Amino acid sequence: MEYTLLGHSGIQVSKLCCGCMSFGKAGLMHDWTLDPGATTAMVRRALDLGINFFDTANCYSKGTSEEYLGEALGKLGVKRHDVVIASKVYFNPGQLSRDAIRREVEGSLKRLGTDYLDLYIIHRFDYGTSILETMEALNELVREGKVRSLGASAMYGYQFQDMQLVARDNGWVPFTAMENHYNLLYREDEREMIPICREMSVALMPYSPLAAGRLARLEWADGTKRGETDAVAKQKYDSTREIDYPIVRRVAEIAGRHGVSMARIALAWLWAKGVASPVFGATSISQLEDACGALDVKLTPDEIAYLEEPYRPHAVVGALHENPPEEKA
């Protein structure tokens, strides 16, 4: 495993982050999530592979993702300072209001069985709460020691910059990481978000690095339970299959040249683009092991250009146009 710093936070993380949306009670969010035993086995193997970075959220399987991750780390006897735990807030009553943030962080800490988070991420931009209120509340959590650093997830570039400037102008803690939607099939953040992050020394930890498996195989649908039931992934990728599939074919071609899996090529491309730690959600240990092997793949400039050349502009997917209807408590 290789390691890098998480933006300007000084926190050292593995260059592959174990995404925990695949942990949790099945049926609460997805039908393909891992039970407690399988979660513990996955966490054990991740640690054996040198992964120290785990990313979850308060809304994943209605909090049971956090519970399963916390239980796994406890069962394995992991020392708290040996792992970096990230969780998120937004898809909850009150979204990013001060009261909601303070309530939700306490719930996350309890479910994870820890007294602090290494990284606390706002899951989306909140149109209904002032940026001032949100950033002040997040700053309080850092000052109180409940959170070590702050991150944001998919939003528009101007929204992220506005939030960073509010933090700067008030002497508050800014974001150090951006968990954005970024892969070979979706590169819209190259226009504004990624340059902003570079300018502000913000680490990129993109989600969906394999486009929900579309970059890991030549078959667009793989017949698995996740492939058949993941409505979110279908919404993100299936409408653009015609313009995206030529990229998939090129990933397969480059993988053949290197004698590795397609997944390794898709991940190697992200590291070649300067990404710090892609969030990789595995449902099998073999998938996780294969992903770690991608660190050994080095793409040439010509191969990178060849993979990128077929890309065509996409509609924005990830950033919200407005707040969704608020979930009832």
Protein backbone atom coordinates (compact mmCIF):
# COMPACT_ATOMS: atom_id res chain seq x y z
CA MET A 1 0.00 0.00 0.00
CA GLU A 2 1.03 3.59 -0.62
CA TYR A 3 0.04 6.58 1.50
CA THR A 4 -0.58 10.28 0.99
CA LEU A 5 -1.64 13.32 2.98
CA LEU A 6 -5.29 14.30 3.06
CA GLY A 7 -5.03 17.81 1.64
CA HIS A 8 -3.70 20.32 4.13
CA SER A 9 -4.95 18.37 7.17
CA GLY A 10 -1.70 16.53 7.90
CA ILE A 11 -3.65 13.27 8.14
CA GLN A 12 -1.97 10.35 6.37
CA VAL A 13 -4.31 8.06 4.45
CA SER A 14 -3.93 5.01 2.25
CA LYS A 15 -4.18 5.76 -1.47
CA LEU A 16 -7.26 3.54 -1.59
CA CYS A 17 -10.20 4.28 0.69
CA CYS A 18 -12.53 1.47 1.75
CA GLY A 19 -16.04 2.67 0.90
CA CYS A 20 -18.58 1.41 3.40
CA MET A 21 -21.87 1.90 1.53
CA SER A 22 -21.67 -1.85 0.93
CA PHE A 23 -21.89 -2.45 4.71
CA GLY A 24 -25.21 -2.49 6.52
CA LYS A 25 -28.55 -4.20 6.92
CA ALA A 26 -29.91 -5.27 3.53
CA GLY A 27 -33.18 -3.74 2.38
CA LEU A 28 -32.84 -0.45 4.27
CA MET A 29 -31.04 1.22 1.36
CA HIS A 30 -29.74 -1.52 -0.94
CA ASP A 31 -30.38 -5.25 -1.22
CA TRP A 32 -26.73 -6.16 -1.82
CA THR A 33 -25.10 -4.92 1.39
CA LEU A 34 -22.88 -7.07 3.61
CA ASP A 35 -23.99 -8.46 6.98
CA PRO A 36 -21.89 -7.99 10.16
CA GLY A 37 -19.80 -11.12 9.61
CA ALA A 38 -18.98 -10.30 6.00
CA THR A 39 -18.28 -6.69 6.98
CA THR A 40 -15.77 -7.79 9.60
CA ALA A 41 -14.07 -10.08 7.09
CA MET A 42 -13.84 -7.22 4.58
CA VAL A 43 -12.44 -4.79 7.17
CA ARG A 44 -9.89 -7.39 8.31
CA ARG A 45 -8.65 -7.91 4.76
CA ALA A 46 -8.55 -4.17 4.11
CA LEU A 47 -6.35 -3.68 7.15
CA ASP A 48 -4.11 -6.59 6.09
CA LEU A 49 -3.69 -4.90 2.70
CA GLY A 50 -2.56 -1.69 4.40
CA ILE A 51 -5.79 0.28 3.97
CA ASN A 52 -6.30 2.64 6.91
CA PHE A 53 -9.03 4.89 5.44
CA PHE A 54 -12.74 4.04 5.81
CA ASP A 55 -15.61 6.15 4.44
CA THR A 56 -19.21 5.81 5.61
CA ALA A 57 -22.25 8.07 6.16
CA ASN A 58 -25.08 8.55 8.62
CA CYS A 59 -27.60 7.65 5.90
CA TYR A 60 -26.00 4.46 4.58
CA SER A 61 -28.49 1.69 5.32
CA LYS A 62 -30.06 4.01 7.90
CA GLY A 63 -26.97 4.12 10.09
CA THR A 64 -26.25 0.40 10.13
CA SER A 65 -23.18 0.93 7.91
CA GLU A 66 -21.64 2.99 10.70
CA GLU A 67 -22.70 0.39 13.26
CA TYR A 68 -21.20 -2.53 11.31
CA LEU A 69 -17.93 -0.66 10.69
CA GLY A 70 -17.62 0.29 14.36
CA GLU A 71 -18.37 -3.26 15.47
CA ALA A 72 -15.83 -4.69 13.03
CA LEU A 73 -13.04 -2.39 14.19
CA GLY A 74 -13.88 -3.26 17.79
CA LYS A 75 -13.92 -7.01 17.20
CA LEU A 76 -10.58 -6.81 15.40
CA GLY A 77 -9.03 -4.89 18.27
CA VAL A 78 -7.97 -2.00 16.06
CA LYS A 79 -6.38 0.93 17.88
CA ARG A 80 -8.33 4.08 17.10
CA HIS A 81 -5.27 6.09 16.03
CA ASP A 82 -4.36 3.44 13.45
CA VAL A 83 -7.40 4.13 11.25
CA VAL A 84 -8.89 7.19 9.57
CA ILE A 85 -12.69 7.25 9.73
CA ALA A 86 -14.84 9.55 7.60
CA SER A 87 -18.60 9.97 7.86
CA LYS A 88 -21.14 12.35 6.35
CA VAL A 89 -24.13 14.55 7.14
CA TYR A 90 -26.93 16.00 4.99
CA PHE A 91 -29.54 13.36 4.10
CA ASN A 92 -31.23 13.76 7.49
CA PRO A 93 -33.88 16.00 9.04
CA GLY A 94 -32.61 19.58 9.14
CA GLN A 95 -29.87 18.79 6.59
CA LEU A 96 -26.96 21.17 7.37
CA SER A 97 -28.52 23.40 9.99
CA ARG A 98 -26.49 23.85 13.17
CA ASP A 99 -28.93 21.79 15.23
CA ALA A 100 -28.93 18.99 12.67
CA ILE A 101 -25.15 18.87 12.40
CA ARG A 102 -24.71 18.69 16.16
CA ARG A 103 -27.41 16.02 16.51
CA GLU A 104 -26.15 13.91 13.63
CA VAL A 105 -22.47 13.94 14.61
CA GLU A 106 -23.40 12.57 18.01
CA GLY A 107 -25.39 9.79 16.36
CA SER A 108 -22.50 8.91 14.07
CA LEU A 109 -20.01 8.85 16.94
CA LYS A 110 -22.26 6.57 18.96
CA ARG A 111 -22.88 4.14 16.10
CA LEU A 112 -19.17 4.01 15.24
CA GLY A 113 -18.15 3.58 18.87
CA THR A 114 -15.65 6.44 18.82
CA ASP A 115 -15.34 9.87 20.38
CA TYR A 116 -14.08 11.63 17.25
CA LEU A 117 -14.16 11.48 13.45
CA ASP A 118 -11.02 12.06 11.41
CA LEU A 119 -13.01 13.55 8.56
CA TYR A 120 -16.57 14.90 8.61
CA ILE A 121 -18.07 15.44 5.16
CA ILE A 122 -21.13 17.43 4.15
CA HIS A 123 -22.87 15.03 1.76
CA ARG A 124 -24.38 17.75 -0.45
CA PHE A 125 -24.92 21.54 -0.54
CA ASP A 126 -27.86 22.75 1.57
CA TYR A 127 -29.97 25.36 -0.22
CA GLY A 128 -32.11 25.88 2.89
CA THR A 129 -29.40 26.82 5.42
CA SER A 130 -27.03 29.77 5.27
CA ILE A 131 -23.42 28.93 4.52
CA LEU A 132 -22.45 30.98 7.57
CA GLU A 133 -24.51 28.76 9.88
CA THR A 134 -23.18 25.53 8.40
CA MET A 135 -19.51 26.52 8.41
CA GLU A 136 -19.68 27.91 11.94
CA ALA A 137 -21.28 24.68 13.20
CA LEU A 138 -18.61 22.57 11.49
CA ASN A 139 -15.87 24.78 12.90
CA GLU A 140 -17.26 24.26 16.40
CA LEU A 141 -16.97 20.49 16.01
CA VAL A 142 -13.29 20.78 15.12
CA ARG A 143 -12.58 23.16 18.00
CA GLU A 144 -14.33 20.78 20.40
CA GLY A 145 -12.28 17.80 19.21
CA LYS A 146 -15.25 15.84 17.86
CA VAL A 147 -13.87 16.15 14.31
CA ARG A 148 -10.27 16.44 13.10
CA SER A 149 -10.89 17.75 9.57
CA LEU A 150 -13.70 18.70 7.20
CA GLY A 151 -14.74 17.58 3.74
CA ALA A 152 -17.49 18.13 1.19
CA SER A 153 -19.12 15.95 -1.44
CA ALA A 154 -20.75 16.49 -4.83
CA MET A 155 -21.86 20.08 -5.45
CA TYR A 156 -21.26 22.89 -7.91
CA GLY A 157 -17.84 24.51 -7.97
CA TYR A 158 -19.11 27.96 -7.05
CA GLN A 159 -20.90 26.53 -4.00
CA PHE A 160 -17.74 24.85 -2.74
CA GLN A 161 -15.69 28.00 -3.29
CA ASP A 162 -18.29 30.15 -1.53
CA MET A 163 -18.15 27.86 1.52
CA GLN A 164 -14.35 27.91 1.56
CA LEU A 165 -14.32 31.70 1.40
CA VAL A 166 -16.79 32.01 4.29
CA ALA A 167 -14.50 29.80 6.39
CA ARG A 168 -11.44 31.84 5.40
CA ASP A 169 -13.06 35.22 6.04
CA ASN A 170 -14.19 34.17 9.53
CA GLY A 171 -11.01 32.39 10.57
CA TRP A 172 -12.77 29.01 10.59
CA VAL A 173 -11.55 25.58 9.53
CA PRO A 174 -11.91 25.08 5.74
CA PHE A 175 -12.54 21.86 3.86
CA THR A 176 -9.51 19.67 3.24
CA ALA A 177 -11.12 16.96 1.06
CA MET A 178 -13.63 16.72 -1.78
CA GLU A 179 -15.52 13.46 -2.32
CA ASN A 180 -16.80 14.10 -5.81
CA HIS A 181 -18.25 12.04 -8.64
CA TYR A 182 -15.28 11.37 -10.92
CA ASN A 183 -14.25 8.51 -13.20
CA LEU A 184 -13.47 7.84 -16.87
CA LEU A 185 -17.18 7.93 -17.73
CA TYR A 186 -17.96 11.14 -15.79
CA ARG A 187 -15.43 13.97 -15.92
CA GLU A 188 -17.55 17.11 -15.62
CA ASP A 189 -15.71 18.25 -12.48
CA GLU A 190 -12.58 18.81 -14.56
CA ARG A 191 -14.22 22.07 -15.70
CA GLU A 192 -14.42 23.89 -12.35
CA MET A 193 -14.44 21.76 -9.20
CA ILE A 194 -11.09 20.03 -9.64
CA PRO A 195 -9.19 23.26 -10.54
CA ILE A 196 -10.71 24.92 -7.46
CA CYS A 197 -9.58 22.02 -5.28
CA ARG A 198 -6.07 22.17 -6.73
CA GLU A 199 -5.87 25.88 -6.05
CA MET A 200 -6.98 25.38 -2.43
CA SER A 201 -4.83 22.29 -1.72
CA VAL A 202 -7.95 20.16 -1.25
CA ALA A 203 -7.50 16.39 -1.67
CA LEU A 204 -9.71 14.51 -4.13
CA MET A 205 -11.28 11.28 -2.87
CA PRO A 206 -13.81 10.52 -5.64
CA TYR A 207 -16.68 8.11 -5.24
CA SER A 208 -17.80 5.62 -7.92
CA PRO A 209 -14.28 5.21 -9.36
CA LEU A 210 -15.44 2.25 -11.48
CA ALA A 211 -18.77 3.83 -12.46
CA ALA A 212 -20.66 1.19 -10.46
CA GLY A 213 -18.80 -1.60 -12.25
CA ARG A 214 -19.28 -0.26 -15.79
CA LEU A 215 -15.52 0.25 -16.07
CA ALA A 216 -14.70 -3.19 -14.67
CA ARG A 217 -16.11 -5.39 -17.45
CA LEU A 218 -17.15 -5.35 -21.09
CA GLU A 219 -20.71 -6.38 -20.23
CA TRP A 220 -22.64 -3.24 -19.28
CA ALA A 221 -24.88 -5.25 -16.91
CA ASP A 222 -23.30 -8.15 -15.02
CA GLY A 223 -26.36 -10.00 -13.76
CA THR A 224 -25.45 -9.59 -10.07
CA LYS A 225 -27.95 -8.54 -7.41
CA ARG A 226 -26.33 -5.10 -7.29
CA GLY A 227 -26.41 -4.78 -11.08
CA GLU A 228 -30.09 -5.70 -11.15
CA THR A 229 -31.28 -3.62 -8.18
CA ASP A 230 -29.01 -0.55 -7.92
CA ALA A 231 -31.41 2.08 -9.19
CA VAL A 232 -29.03 4.92 -8.32
CA ALA A 233 -26.27 3.47 -10.51
CA LYS A 234 -28.71 2.94 -13.37
CA GLN A 235 -29.83 6.56 -13.12
CA LYS A 236 -26.22 7.77 -13.17
CA TYR A 237 -24.92 5.73 -16.08
CA ASP A 238 -27.45 3.88 -18.22
CA SER A 239 -28.83 6.87 -20.11
CA THR A 240 -25.37 7.65 -21.51
CA ARG A 241 -24.38 4.09 -22.39
CA GLU A 242 -24.13 4.79 -26.13
CA ILE A 243 -21.55 7.57 -25.76
CA ASP A 244 -19.72 5.93 -22.85
CA TYR A 245 -19.27 2.39 -24.09
CA PRO A 246 -16.37 3.27 -26.47
CA ILE A 247 -14.42 4.27 -23.35
CA VAL A 248 -15.19 0.92 -21.73
CA ARG A 249 -13.80 -0.84 -24.81
CA ARG A 250 -10.59 1.18 -24.59
CA VAL A 251 -10.22 0.33 -20.89
CA ALA A 252 -10.47 -3.34 -21.86
CA GLU A 253 -7.90 -2.87 -24.61
CA ILE A 254 -5.35 -1.19 -22.32
CA ALA A 255 -6.01 -3.82 -19.63
CA GLY A 256 -5.19 -6.52 -22.19
CA ARG A 257 -1.90 -4.82 -23.03
CA HIS A 258 -0.91 -4.68 -19.36
CA GLY A 259 -2.25 -8.13 -18.55
CA VAL A 260 -4.40 -6.81 -15.69
CA SER A 261 -8.07 -6.35 -14.91
CA MET A 262 -10.09 -3.44 -16.30
CA ALA A 263 -10.67 -2.21 -12.75
CA ARG A 264 -6.94 -1.70 -12.30
CA ILE A 265 -6.75 0.46 -15.41
CA ALA A 266 -9.70 2.63 -14.31
CA LEU A 267 -8.13 3.17 -10.89
CA ALA A 268 -4.64 3.75 -12.29
CA TRP A 269 -6.11 6.52 -14.48
CA LEU A 270 -7.45 8.28 -11.38
CA TRP A 271 -4.07 8.21 -9.64
CA ALA A 272 -2.45 9.47 -12.84
CA LYS A 273 -4.86 12.44 -12.64
CA GLY A 274 -3.59 13.33 -9.15
CA VAL A 275 -6.42 11.85 -7.10
CA ALA A 276 -5.43 11.20 -3.48
CA SER A 277 -7.62 8.27 -2.45
CA PRO A 278 -10.53 6.90 -4.51
CA VAL A 279 -13.43 5.57 -2.42
CA PHE A 280 -13.72 1.95 -3.49
CA GLY A 281 -16.79 0.01 -2.34
CA ALA A 282 -16.24 -3.74 -2.60
CA THR A 283 -18.77 -6.50 -2.10
CA SER A 284 -16.15 -9.26 -2.24
CA ILE A 285 -12.64 -9.58 -0.87
CA SER A 286 -11.30 -10.46 -4.31
CA GLN A 287 -12.53 -7.10 -5.63
CA LEU A 288 -10.68 -5.29 -2.85
CA GLU A 289 -7.48 -7.24 -3.45
CA ASP A 290 -7.63 -6.53 -7.17
CA ALA A 291 -8.13 -2.82 -6.53
CA CYS A 292 -5.02 -2.63 -4.36
CA GLY A 293 -3.06 -4.18 -7.22
CA ALA A 294 -3.88 -1.15 -9.34
CA LEU A 295 -1.18 0.79 -7.51
CA ASP A 296 1.38 -1.21 -9.49
CA VAL A 297 -0.05 -0.09 -12.85
CA LYS A 298 1.58 2.97 -14.42
CA LEU A 299 -0.10 4.39 -17.51
CA THR A 300 1.87 6.24 -20.16
CA PRO A 301 0.81 9.72 -21.33
CA ASP A 302 -0.27 8.18 -24.64
CA GLU A 303 -2.43 5.59 -22.87
CA ILE A 304 -4.05 8.28 -20.73
CA ALA A 305 -4.84 10.36 -23.83
CA TYR A 306 -6.22 7.28 -25.60
CA LEU A 307 -8.55 6.49 -22.69
CA GLU A 308 -9.78 10.09 -22.48
CA GLU A 309 -10.25 10.86 -26.17
CA PRO A 310 -13.80 9.38 -26.66
CA TYR A 311 -15.31 11.34 -23.73
CA ARG A 312 -18.30 13.52 -24.51
CA PRO A 313 -19.95 16.15 -22.26
CA HIS A 314 -22.53 14.88 -19.77
CA ALA A 315 -25.35 16.41 -17.78
CA VAL A 316 -24.34 17.11 -14.19
CA VAL A 317 -24.85 14.04 -11.98
CA GLY A 318 -24.22 14.27 -8.25
CA ALA A 319 -24.67 17.94 -7.42
CA LEU A 320 -28.24 18.79 -6.41
CA HIS A 321 -30.26 21.50 -8.12
CA GLU A 322 -32.24 22.00 -4.90
CA ASN A 323 -32.77 20.29 -1.58
CA PRO A 324 -34.78 17.05 -1.82
CA PRO A 325 -37.95 16.74 0.29
CA GLU A 326 -36.86 16.53 3.92
CA GLU A 327 -36.93 13.10 5.49
CA LYS A 328 -39.25 12.88 8.48
CA ALA A 329 -37.64 12.08 11.79
